[in-house]
Amino acid sequence: MIERLKERFEQNPRRHQGICWAEIQPRLTEEKLLILQRMEETGGEPDVIGRDGDRILYADCAAETPAGRRGVCFDEATRAARKKNPPEESAERQAQAIGVTLMNEEQYRHLQTLGAFDLKTSSWIATPPAIRALGGALFCERRYDTVFVFHNGADSYYSVRGWRGVLRV
């Protein structure tokens, strides 16, 4: 896994200007590598996208929303409450199982400055509690060379909507 991460890091220097591999490798504990492996197994193609204070941010950098995380509603409460045709999973539960957090709007917009992502898919993002309290959730996508933030009922799910995660190391 370390070799795959290093290779991806070296192939995409624009994503992490000012960060060197020698700074990252010591932070990749066995626990963090297991999380990154789970991100990889679900199609995330994790790579470094910047910093959050003194922490390095790994995020899903697959061109489209990770294939192994699509067709999910936003959170477990709405999945469980859905009377007809509930999806098998929720973004919230999958993220917890992998060990990451959902990307927030700021992180998603930053990712879009590093390349063109979600041109055919969309991604649930962390949603403010006030919106969740009213039953809504936010998702993003890129169309017409513009990043759009939309809302939907948190219980909705589509085959092309998934989620992107972030790991701090």
C-alpha atoms as a PDB file:
ATOM      1  CA  MET A   1       0.000   0.000   0.000  1.00  0.00           C
ATOM      2  CA  ILE A   2       2.840   2.393   0.803  1.00  0.00           C
ATOM      3  CA  GLU A   3       4.317   1.890  -2.654  1.00  0.00           C
ATOM      4  CA  ARG A   4       0.949   2.571  -4.323  1.00  0.00           C
ATOM      5  CA  LEU A   5       0.479   5.749  -2.254  1.00  0.00           C
ATOM      6  CA  LYS A   6       4.012   6.928  -2.992  1.00  0.00           C
ATOM      7  CA  GLU A   7       3.583   6.287  -6.721  1.00  0.00           C
ATOM      8  CA  ARG A   8       0.279   8.194  -6.815  1.00  0.00           C
ATOM      9  CA  PHE A   9       1.848  11.017  -4.787  1.00  0.00           C
ATOM     10  CA  GLU A  10       4.741  11.296  -7.235  1.00  0.00           C
ATOM     11  CA  GLN A  11       2.468  11.138 -10.299  1.00  0.00           C
ATOM     12  CA  ASN A  12       0.253  14.012  -9.090  1.00  0.00           C
ATOM     13  CA  PRO A  13       2.523  16.742  -7.685  1.00  0.00           C
ATOM     14  CA  ARG A  14      -0.029  19.489  -8.401  1.00  0.00           C
ATOM     15  CA  ARG A  15      -2.313  18.084  -5.698  1.00  0.00           C
ATOM     16  CA  HIS A  16       0.163  18.650  -2.871  1.00  0.00           C
ATOM     17  CA  GLN A  17       2.584  21.452  -3.621  1.00  0.00           C
ATOM     18  CA  GLY A  18       4.945  22.159  -0.759  1.00  0.00           C
ATOM     19  CA  ILE A  19       4.553  18.718   0.795  1.00  0.00           C
ATOM     20  CA  CYS A  20       7.261  16.082   0.385  1.00  0.00           C
ATOM     21  CA  TRP A  21       6.929  12.324   0.681  1.00  0.00           C
ATOM     22  CA  ALA A  22       9.561  12.249   3.464  1.00  0.00           C
ATOM     23  CA  GLU A  23       7.110  14.237   5.614  1.00  0.00           C
ATOM     24  CA  ILE A  24       4.237  11.861   4.914  1.00  0.00           C
ATOM     25  CA  GLN A  25       5.728   8.385   5.180  1.00  0.00           C
ATOM     26  CA  PRO A  26       6.478   8.518   8.942  1.00  0.00           C
ATOM     27  CA  ARG A  27       2.819   9.450   9.577  1.00  0.00           C
ATOM     28  CA  LEU A  28       1.521   6.348   7.816  1.00  0.00           C
ATOM     29  CA  THR A  29       0.978   4.144  10.831  1.00  0.00           C
ATOM     30  CA  GLU A  30      -0.465   0.675  10.499  1.00  0.00           C
ATOM     31  CA  GLU A  31      -3.888   2.069  11.468  1.00  0.00           C
ATOM     32  CA  LYS A  32      -3.742   4.868   8.864  1.00  0.00           C
ATOM     33  CA  LEU A  33      -2.555   2.447   6.172  1.00  0.00           C
ATOM     34  CA  LEU A  34      -5.510   0.157   6.920  1.00  0.00           C
ATOM     35  CA  ILE A  35      -7.907   3.094   6.462  1.00  0.00           C
ATOM     36  CA  LEU A  36      -6.194   4.123   3.221  1.00  0.00           C
ATOM     37  CA  GLN A  37      -6.426   0.499   2.047  1.00  0.00           C
ATOM     38  CA  ARG A  38     -10.192   0.543   2.677  1.00  0.00           C
ATOM     39  CA  MET A  39     -10.450   3.800   0.713  1.00  0.00           C
ATOM     40  CA  GLU A  40      -8.530   2.155  -2.128  1.00  0.00           C
ATOM     41  CA  GLU A  41     -10.620  -1.046  -2.074  1.00  0.00           C
ATOM     42  CA  THR A  42     -13.837   0.946  -2.526  1.00  0.00           C
ATOM     43  CA  GLY A  43     -12.426   2.857  -5.505  1.00  0.00           C
ATOM     44  CA  GLY A  44     -11.292   6.061  -3.808  1.00  0.00           C
ATOM     45  CA  GLU A  45      -7.726   6.338  -5.116  1.00  0.00           C
ATOM     46  CA  PRO A  46      -6.600   8.275  -2.012  1.00  0.00           C
ATOM     47  CA  ASP A  47      -3.940  10.959  -2.410  1.00  0.00           C
ATOM     48  CA  VAL A  48      -2.667  13.950  -0.458  1.00  0.00           C
ATOM     49  CA  ILE A  49      -4.584  17.149  -1.231  1.00  0.00           C
ATOM     50  CA  GLY A  50      -3.082  19.562   1.290  1.00  0.00           C
ATOM     51  CA  ARG A  51      -2.889  20.400   4.965  1.00  0.00           C
ATOM     52  CA  ASP A  52      -5.253  21.046   7.831  1.00  0.00           C
ATOM     53  CA  GLY A  53      -3.049  22.809  10.374  1.00  0.00           C
ATOM     54  CA  ASP A  54      -0.224  20.408  11.146  1.00  0.00           C
ATOM     55  CA  ARG A  55      -2.086  17.424   9.676  1.00  0.00           C
ATOM     56  CA  ILE A  56      -1.783  16.108   6.125  1.00  0.00           C
ATOM     57  CA  LEU A  57      -5.101  15.549   4.298  1.00  0.00           C
ATOM     58  CA  TYR A  58      -5.673  12.414   2.261  1.00  0.00           C
ATOM     59  CA  ALA A  59      -8.832  12.426   0.153  1.00  0.00           C
ATOM     60  CA  ASP A  60     -10.551  10.329  -2.489  1.00  0.00           C
ATOM     61  CA  CYS A  61      -9.118  11.478  -5.812  1.00  0.00           C
ATOM     62  CA  ALA A  62     -10.859   9.049  -8.168  1.00  0.00           C
ATOM     63  CA  ALA A  63     -12.170  10.899 -11.229  1.00  0.00           C
ATOM     64  CA  GLU A  64     -15.740   9.900 -10.349  1.00  0.00           C
ATOM     65  CA  THR A  65     -17.325   9.227  -6.967  1.00  0.00           C
ATOM     66  CA  PRO A  66     -15.802   5.949  -5.737  1.00  0.00           C
ATOM     67  CA  ALA A  67     -17.671   3.080  -7.383  1.00  0.00           C
ATOM     68  CA  GLY A  68     -17.864   1.045  -4.177  1.00  0.00           C
ATOM     69  CA  ARG A  69     -19.697   3.844  -2.385  1.00  0.00           C
ATOM     70  CA  ARG A  70     -22.545   4.771  -4.701  1.00  0.00           C
ATOM     71  CA  GLY A  71     -26.268   4.208  -4.389  1.00  0.00           C
ATOM     72  CA  VAL A  72     -26.381   5.196  -0.720  1.00  0.00           C
ATOM     73  CA  CYS A  73     -28.572   7.627   1.186  1.00  0.00           C
ATOM     74  CA  PHE A  74     -26.981  10.246   3.421  1.00  0.00           C
ATOM     75  CA  ASP A  75     -27.182   8.825   6.929  1.00  0.00           C
ATOM     76  CA  GLU A  76     -28.244   5.804   8.904  1.00  0.00           C
ATOM     77  CA  ALA A  77     -31.290   7.436  10.511  1.00  0.00           C
ATOM     78  CA  THR A  78     -32.909   8.155   7.152  1.00  0.00           C
ATOM     79  CA  ARG A  79     -31.913   4.767   5.739  1.00  0.00           C
ATOM     80  CA  ALA A  80     -33.542   2.980   8.671  1.00  0.00           C
ATOM     81  CA  ALA A  81     -36.682   5.159   8.494  1.00  0.00           C
ATOM     82  CA  ARG A  82     -37.247   4.630   4.782  1.00  0.00           C
ATOM     83  CA  LYS A  83     -40.365   2.473   4.391  1.00  0.00           C
ATOM     84  CA  LYS A  84     -39.942   1.408   0.752  1.00  0.00           C
ATOM     85  CA  ASN A  85     -36.784   0.213  -0.954  1.00  0.00           C
ATOM     86  CA  PRO A  86     -34.156   1.347   1.543  1.00  0.00           C
ATOM     87  CA  PRO A  87     -30.597   1.228   0.208  1.00  0.00           C
ATOM     88  CA  GLU A  88     -28.261  -1.309   1.756  1.00  0.00           C
ATOM     89  CA  GLU A  89     -25.957   1.374   3.127  1.00  0.00           C
ATOM     90  CA  SER A  90     -25.671   5.027   4.075  1.00  0.00           C
ATOM     91  CA  ALA A  91     -22.754   7.355   3.400  1.00  0.00           C
ATOM     92  CA  GLU A  92     -22.438   8.026   7.114  1.00  0.00           C
ATOM     93  CA  ARG A  93     -22.164   4.350   8.069  1.00  0.00           C
ATOM     94  CA  GLN A  94     -19.732   3.551   5.256  1.00  0.00           C
ATOM     95  CA  ALA A  95     -17.494   6.470   6.236  1.00  0.00           C
ATOM     96  CA  GLN A  96     -17.470   5.337   9.867  1.00  0.00           C
ATOM     97  CA  ALA A  97     -16.659   1.761   8.821  1.00  0.00           C
ATOM     98  CA  ILE A  98     -13.745   2.933   6.681  1.00  0.00           C
ATOM     99  CA  GLY A  99     -12.502   5.383   9.350  1.00  0.00           C
ATOM    100  CA  VAL A 100     -12.850   8.683   7.462  1.00  0.00           C
ATOM    101  CA  THR A 101     -15.117  11.712   7.506  1.00  0.00           C
ATOM    102  CA  LEU A 102     -17.284  12.936   4.667  1.00  0.00           C
ATOM    103  CA  MET A 103     -15.670  15.698   2.672  1.00  0.00           C
ATOM    104  CA  ASN A 104     -17.107  19.112   3.543  1.00  0.00           C
ATOM    105  CA  GLU A 105     -17.966  21.799   0.986  1.00  0.00           C
ATOM    106  CA  GLU A 106     -14.667  23.658   1.414  1.00  0.00           C
ATOM    107  CA  GLN A 107     -12.658  20.458   0.919  1.00  0.00           C
ATOM    108  CA  TYR A 108     -14.757  19.479  -2.090  1.00  0.00           C
ATOM    109  CA  ARG A 109     -14.245  22.873  -3.718  1.00  0.00           C
ATOM    110  CA  HIS A 110     -10.512  22.633  -3.013  1.00  0.00           C
ATOM    111  CA  LEU A 111     -10.392  19.174  -4.607  1.00  0.00           C
ATOM    112  CA  GLN A 112     -11.988  20.638  -7.725  1.00  0.00           C
ATOM    113  CA  THR A 113      -9.101  23.128  -8.038  1.00  0.00           C
ATOM    114  CA  LEU A 114      -6.749  20.137  -8.350  1.00  0.00           C
ATOM    115  CA  GLY A 115      -8.571  18.499 -11.275  1.00  0.00           C
ATOM    116  CA  ALA A 116     -11.973  17.805 -12.779  1.00  0.00           C
ATOM    117  CA  PHE A 117     -13.881  15.392 -10.524  1.00  0.00           C
ATOM    118  CA  ASP A 118     -17.482  14.111 -10.556  1.00  0.00           C
ATOM    119  CA  LEU A 119     -18.254  14.995 -14.165  1.00  0.00           C
ATOM    120  CA  LYS A 120     -20.776  12.109 -14.361  1.00  0.00           C
ATOM    121  CA  THR A 121     -21.453  11.400 -10.683  1.00  0.00           C
ATOM    122  CA  SER A 122     -22.199  13.369  -7.524  1.00  0.00           C
ATOM    123  CA  SER A 123     -20.989  13.172  -3.929  1.00  0.00           C
ATOM    124  CA  TRP A 124     -22.772  13.636  -0.623  1.00  0.00           C
ATOM    125  CA  ILE A 125     -20.879  16.121   1.570  1.00  0.00           C
ATOM    126  CA  ALA A 126     -20.940  16.880   5.292  1.00  0.00           C
ATOM    127  CA  THR A 127     -24.157  18.775   5.920  1.00  0.00           C
ATOM    128  CA  PRO A 128     -24.821  21.451   8.574  1.00  0.00           C
ATOM    129  CA  PRO A 129     -27.012  20.252  11.464  1.00  0.00           C
ATOM    130  CA  ALA A 130     -29.712  22.863  10.723  1.00  0.00           C
ATOM    131  CA  ILE A 131     -30.258  21.386   7.248  1.00  0.00           C
ATOM    132  CA  ARG A 132     -30.179  17.815   8.569  1.00  0.00           C
ATOM    133  CA  ALA A 133     -32.742  18.724  11.244  1.00  0.00           C
ATOM    134  CA  LEU A 134     -35.153  19.631   8.445  1.00  0.00           C
ATOM    135  CA  GLY A 135     -34.547  16.336   6.617  1.00  0.00           C
ATOM    136  CA  GLY A 136     -32.163  17.626   3.954  1.00  0.00           C
ATOM    137  CA  ALA A 137     -28.603  16.853   2.972  1.00  0.00           C
ATOM    138  CA  LEU A 138     -26.094  18.433   0.590  1.00  0.00           C
ATOM    139  CA  PHE A 139     -24.262  16.978  -2.384  1.00  0.00           C
ATOM    140  CA  CYS A 140     -21.894  18.355  -4.998  1.00  0.00           C
ATOM    141  CA  GLU A 141     -20.942  17.714  -8.596  1.00  0.00           C
ATOM    142  CA  ARG A 142     -19.091  19.420 -11.405  1.00  0.00           C
ATOM    143  CA  ARG A 143     -20.903  20.352 -14.609  1.00  0.00           C
ATOM    144  CA  TYR A 144     -20.222  23.047 -17.198  1.00  0.00           C
ATOM    145  CA  ASP A 145     -16.809  23.654 -15.596  1.00  0.00           C
ATOM    146  CA  THR A 146     -18.585  24.785 -12.421  1.00  0.00           C
ATOM    147  CA  VAL A 147     -18.925  23.171  -8.985  1.00  0.00           C
ATOM    148  CA  PHE A 148     -22.550  22.990  -7.897  1.00  0.00           C
ATOM    149  CA  VAL A 149     -23.868  22.400  -4.388  1.00  0.00           C
ATOM    150  CA  PHE A 150     -27.376  20.954  -4.274  1.00  0.00           C
ATOM    151  CA  HIS A 151     -29.799  19.701  -1.671  1.00  0.00           C
ATOM    152  CA  ASN A 152     -31.932  16.599  -1.537  1.00  0.00           C
ATOM    153  CA  GLY A 153     -33.858  14.655   1.054  1.00  0.00           C
ATOM    154  CA  ALA A 154     -31.286  12.738   3.102  1.00  0.00           C
ATOM    155  CA  ASP A 155     -33.183   9.511   2.407  1.00  0.00           C
ATOM    156  CA  SER A 156     -32.771   9.793  -1.366  1.00  0.00           C
ATOM    157  CA  TYR A 157     -30.281   7.670  -3.235  1.00  0.00           C
ATOM    158  CA  TYR A 158     -29.219   7.317  -6.840  1.00  0.00           C
ATOM    159  CA  SER A 159     -26.884   4.930  -8.612  1.00  0.00           C
ATOM    160  CA  VAL A 160     -24.530   7.786  -9.518  1.00  0.00           C
ATOM    161  CA  ARG A 161     -24.426   9.473  -6.092  1.00  0.00           C
ATOM    162  CA  GLY A 162     -21.924   8.385  -3.509  1.00  0.00           C
ATOM    163  CA  TRP A 163     -19.502  10.179  -1.253  1.00  0.00           C
ATOM    164  CA  ARG A 164     -15.842  11.175  -0.906  1.00  0.00           C
ATOM    165  CA  GLY A 165     -13.880  10.822   2.306  1.00  0.00           C
ATOM    166  CA  VAL A 166     -11.042  12.637   4.038  1.00  0.00           C
ATOM    167  CA  LEU A 167      -8.380  11.251   6.378  1.00  0.00           C
ATOM    168  CA  ARG A 168      -6.078  13.424   8.483  1.00  0.00           C
ATOM    169  CA  VAL A 169      -2.603  11.986   9.097  1.00  0.00           C
END
